[in-house]
Amino acid sequence: MTTKSFERRRILVVDDEERMVRFIRLNLEHDGFEVSEAFNGRQAIQRLREGAVYYTLLAHKGKAPAPTARPPAPPRPVRR
């Protein structure tokens, strides 16, 4: 594997649940990725500054907004 392709296989996994990060890490390593971990935003920024990370995976529990074909309309003024 060349250095360039190796760099493209580095992933930073960010989540506040340690079990989730470990689960994701094991699966990604099984698929040949080099994985760094962070458990909060501060750690994630530190890991990004430490070295080249090609991808960042943020595990999020909340409901993601539905994709839209166009940006939402601006709010209308309320008449009283």
N, C-alpha and C. Protein backbone atom coordinates (compact mmCIF):
# COMPACT_ATOMS: atom_id res chain seq x y z
N MET A 1 0.85 -1.19 0.00
CA MET A 1 0.00 0.00 0.00
C MET A 1 0.89 1.24 0.00
N THR A 2 0.63 2.16 -0.86
CA THR A 2 1.43 3.38 -0.94
C THR A 2 1.08 4.32 0.20
N THR A 3 1.96 5.27 0.45
CA THR A 3 1.71 6.24 1.52
C THR A 3 0.43 7.02 1.25
N LYS A 4 0.21 7.43 0.02
CA LYS A 4 -0.98 8.23 -0.29
C LYS A 4 -2.26 7.45 -0.03
N SER A 5 -2.33 6.19 -0.47
CA SER A 5 -3.54 5.41 -0.24
C SER A 5 -3.70 5.10 1.25
N PHE A 6 -2.59 4.93 1.97
CA PHE A 6 -2.66 4.67 3.41
C PHE A 6 -3.27 5.87 4.13
N GLU A 7 -2.88 7.08 3.76
CA GLU A 7 -3.41 8.28 4.39
C GLU A 7 -4.91 8.39 4.17
N ARG A 8 -5.39 7.94 3.04
CA ARG A 8 -6.81 8.04 2.74
C ARG A 8 -7.63 7.01 3.51
N ARG A 9 -7.00 6.14 4.25
CA ARG A 9 -7.71 5.12 5.01
C ARG A 9 -7.66 5.42 6.50
N ARG A 10 -7.37 6.64 6.87
CA ARG A 10 -7.35 7.04 8.28
C ARG A 10 -8.67 7.70 8.63
N ILE A 11 -9.29 7.23 9.71
CA ILE A 11 -10.59 7.75 10.12
C ILE A 11 -10.55 8.13 11.59
N LEU A 12 -11.16 9.25 11.91
CA LEU A 12 -11.35 9.68 13.29
C LEU A 12 -12.81 9.42 13.64
N VAL A 13 -13.05 8.61 14.68
CA VAL A 13 -14.40 8.29 15.14
C VAL A 13 -14.67 9.11 16.39
N VAL A 14 -15.77 9.86 16.39
CA VAL A 14 -16.11 10.74 17.52
C VAL A 14 -17.50 10.39 18.04
N ASP A 15 -17.57 10.07 19.32
CA ASP A 15 -18.85 9.84 20.00
C ASP A 15 -18.59 9.89 21.49
N ASP A 16 -19.61 10.28 22.27
CA ASP A 16 -19.42 10.34 23.72
C ASP A 16 -19.62 8.99 24.39
N GLU A 17 -20.09 7.98 23.66
CA GLU A 17 -20.27 6.64 24.22
C GLU A 17 -19.09 5.76 23.84
N GLU A 18 -18.32 5.36 24.83
CA GLU A 18 -17.12 4.56 24.59
C GLU A 18 -17.44 3.25 23.89
N ARG A 19 -18.52 2.59 24.28
CA ARG A 19 -18.88 1.30 23.65
C ARG A 19 -19.16 1.47 22.16
N MET A 20 -19.81 2.55 21.78
CA MET A 20 -20.12 2.80 20.37
C MET A 20 -18.83 3.04 19.58
N VAL A 21 -17.93 3.83 20.14
CA VAL A 21 -16.66 4.11 19.47
C VAL A 21 -15.87 2.81 19.28
N ARG A 22 -15.82 1.98 20.32
CA ARG A 22 -15.08 0.71 20.22
C ARG A 22 -15.71 -0.20 19.15
N PHE A 23 -17.04 -0.26 19.12
CA PHE A 23 -17.73 -1.09 18.13
C PHE A 23 -17.41 -0.63 16.71
N ILE A 24 -17.51 0.67 16.48
CA ILE A 24 -17.21 1.22 15.16
C ILE A 24 -15.75 0.99 14.81
N ARG A 25 -14.88 1.20 15.80
CA ARG A 25 -13.44 1.01 15.58
C ARG A 25 -13.13 -0.42 15.13
N LEU A 26 -13.68 -1.41 15.83
CA LEU A 26 -13.41 -2.81 15.49
C LEU A 26 -13.85 -3.12 14.06
N ASN A 27 -15.00 -2.63 13.67
CA ASN A 27 -15.50 -2.87 12.31
C ASN A 27 -14.63 -2.19 11.25
N LEU A 28 -14.23 -0.97 11.52
CA LEU A 28 -13.40 -0.25 10.54
C LEU A 28 -12.01 -0.88 10.44
N GLU A 29 -11.43 -1.26 11.58
CA GLU A 29 -10.12 -1.90 11.54
C GLU A 29 -10.19 -3.23 10.80
N HIS A 30 -11.27 -3.95 10.98
CA HIS A 30 -11.46 -5.21 10.26
C HIS A 30 -11.45 -4.98 8.75
N ASP A 31 -11.94 -3.82 8.33
CA ASP A 31 -11.96 -3.48 6.90
C ASP A 31 -10.69 -2.79 6.44
N GLY A 32 -9.68 -2.70 7.31
CA GLY A 32 -8.38 -2.19 6.90
C GLY A 32 -8.11 -0.72 7.16
N PHE A 33 -8.97 -0.06 7.90
CA PHE A 33 -8.77 1.36 8.20
C PHE A 33 -7.93 1.54 9.45
N GLU A 34 -7.17 2.61 9.49
CA GLU A 34 -6.48 3.03 10.71
C GLU A 34 -7.43 3.99 11.41
N VAL A 35 -7.72 3.75 12.69
CA VAL A 35 -8.76 4.49 13.40
C VAL A 35 -8.19 5.23 14.60
N SER A 36 -8.56 6.51 14.72
CA SER A 36 -8.30 7.30 15.91
C SER A 36 -9.65 7.53 16.59
N GLU A 37 -9.61 7.74 17.91
CA GLU A 37 -10.85 7.93 18.67
C GLU A 37 -10.86 9.26 19.37
N ALA A 38 -12.07 9.80 19.56
CA ALA A 38 -12.30 10.98 20.39
C ALA A 38 -13.67 10.83 21.02
N PHE A 39 -13.79 11.29 22.26
CA PHE A 39 -15.04 11.12 23.00
C PHE A 39 -15.75 12.44 23.26
N ASN A 40 -15.21 13.52 22.72
CA ASN A 40 -15.88 14.82 22.80
C ASN A 40 -15.24 15.73 21.75
N GLY A 41 -15.83 16.91 21.57
CA GLY A 41 -15.34 17.83 20.54
C GLY A 41 -13.92 18.30 20.77
N ARG A 42 -13.57 18.54 22.02
CA ARG A 42 -12.22 19.00 22.34
C ARG A 42 -11.17 17.96 21.95
N GLN A 43 -11.45 16.69 22.28
CA GLN A 43 -10.52 15.62 21.90
C GLN A 43 -10.45 15.48 20.38
N ALA A 44 -11.58 15.64 19.71
CA ALA A 44 -11.60 15.51 18.24
C ALA A 44 -10.71 16.56 17.60
N ILE A 45 -10.81 17.79 18.07
CA ILE A 45 -9.97 18.86 17.52
C ILE A 45 -8.49 18.56 17.78
N GLN A 46 -8.19 18.06 18.98
CA GLN A 46 -6.81 17.71 19.31
C GLN A 46 -6.29 16.62 18.38
N ARG A 47 -7.09 15.57 18.14
CA ARG A 47 -6.66 14.48 17.25
C ARG A 47 -6.45 14.99 15.82
N LEU A 48 -7.32 15.89 15.37
CA LEU A 48 -7.17 16.44 14.03
C LEU A 48 -5.88 17.24 13.90
N ARG A 49 -5.51 17.94 14.96
CA ARG A 49 -4.27 18.73 14.93
C ARG A 49 -3.03 17.85 15.01
N GLU A 50 -3.15 16.67 15.61
CA GLU A 50 -2.01 15.77 15.79
C GLU A 50 -1.52 15.16 14.49
N GLY A 51 -2.42 14.93 13.56
CA GLY A 51 -1.96 14.28 12.33
C GLY A 51 -3.02 14.27 11.27
N ALA A 52 -2.63 13.75 10.12
CA ALA A 52 -3.52 13.72 8.97
C ALA A 52 -4.62 12.68 9.17
N VAL A 53 -5.84 13.13 9.17
CA VAL A 53 -7.01 12.26 9.20
C VAL A 53 -7.78 12.57 7.93
N TYR A 54 -8.04 11.55 7.15
CA TYR A 54 -8.69 11.80 5.87
C TYR A 54 -10.21 11.87 6.01
N TYR A 55 -10.78 11.04 6.88
CA TYR A 55 -12.22 11.04 7.12
C TYR A 55 -12.50 11.23 8.60
N THR A 56 -13.63 11.82 8.93
CA THR A 56 -14.09 11.94 10.31
C THR A 56 -15.51 11.41 10.37
N LEU A 57 -15.75 10.49 11.32
CA LEU A 57 -17.06 9.90 11.50
C LEU A 57 -17.60 10.37 12.85
N LEU A 58 -18.72 11.08 12.82
CA LEU A 58 -19.37 11.54 14.04
C LEU A 58 -20.62 10.70 14.24
N ALA A 59 -20.64 9.92 15.31
CA ALA A 59 -21.83 9.13 15.61
C ALA A 59 -22.80 10.02 16.37
N HIS A 60 -24.03 10.11 15.89
CA HIS A 60 -24.99 11.06 16.46
C HIS A 60 -26.30 10.34 16.74
N LYS A 61 -26.82 10.50 17.96
CA LYS A 61 -28.05 9.82 18.36
C LYS A 61 -29.31 10.54 17.89
N GLY A 62 -29.21 11.81 17.66
CA GLY A 62 -30.39 12.59 17.31
C GLY A 62 -30.89 12.28 15.91
N LYS A 63 -32.09 12.73 15.63
CA LYS A 63 -32.67 12.52 14.31
C LYS A 63 -32.08 13.53 13.34
N ALA A 64 -31.56 13.02 12.25
CA ALA A 64 -30.97 13.89 11.24
C ALA A 64 -32.09 14.59 10.46
N PRO A 65 -31.87 15.82 10.07
CA PRO A 65 -32.89 16.50 9.28
C PRO A 65 -33.05 15.84 7.92
N ALA A 66 -34.26 15.85 7.42
CA ALA A 66 -34.51 15.27 6.11
C ALA A 66 -33.85 16.11 5.04
N PRO A 67 -33.23 15.48 4.05
CA PRO A 67 -32.61 16.27 2.98
C PRO A 67 -33.66 17.00 2.17
N THR A 68 -33.31 18.18 1.72
CA THR A 68 -34.24 18.97 0.92
C THR A 68 -33.60 19.31 -0.42
N ALA A 69 -34.44 19.53 -1.40
CA ALA A 69 -33.95 19.86 -2.74
C ALA A 69 -33.58 21.33 -2.84
N ARG A 70 -34.10 22.14 -1.95
CA ARG A 70 -33.80 23.57 -1.98
C ARG A 70 -33.72 24.08 -0.54
N PRO A 71 -33.08 25.20 -0.32
CA PRO A 71 -33.01 25.74 1.04
C PRO A 71 -34.38 26.17 1.54
N PRO A 72 -34.58 26.14 2.86
CA PRO A 72 -35.88 26.56 3.38
C PRO A 72 -36.15 28.03 3.09
N ALA A 73 -37.42 28.37 3.00
CA ALA A 73 -37.82 29.77 2.76
C ALA A 73 -37.52 30.60 3.99
N PRO A 74 -37.22 31.89 3.80
CA PRO A 74 -36.97 32.75 4.96
C PRO A 74 -38.25 32.91 5.78
N PRO A 75 -38.12 33.15 7.09
CA PRO A 75 -39.31 33.30 7.91
C PRO A 75 -40.13 34.53 7.49
N ARG A 76 -41.44 34.41 7.63
CA ARG A 76 -42.33 35.51 7.29
C ARG A 76 -42.60 36.34 8.53
N PRO A 77 -42.77 37.66 8.38
CA PRO A 77 -43.08 38.48 9.55
C PRO A 77 -44.47 38.14 10.08
N VAL A 78 -44.61 38.22 11.37
CA VAL A 78 -45.91 37.94 12.02
C VAL A 78 -46.72 39.22 12.06
N ARG A 79 -47.96 39.15 11.58
CA ARG A 79 -48.85 40.32 11.61
C ARG A 79 -49.75 40.23 12.85
N ARG A 80 -49.93 41.34 13.50
CA ARG A 80 -50.79 41.37 14.69
C ARG A 80 -51.94 42.27 14.49
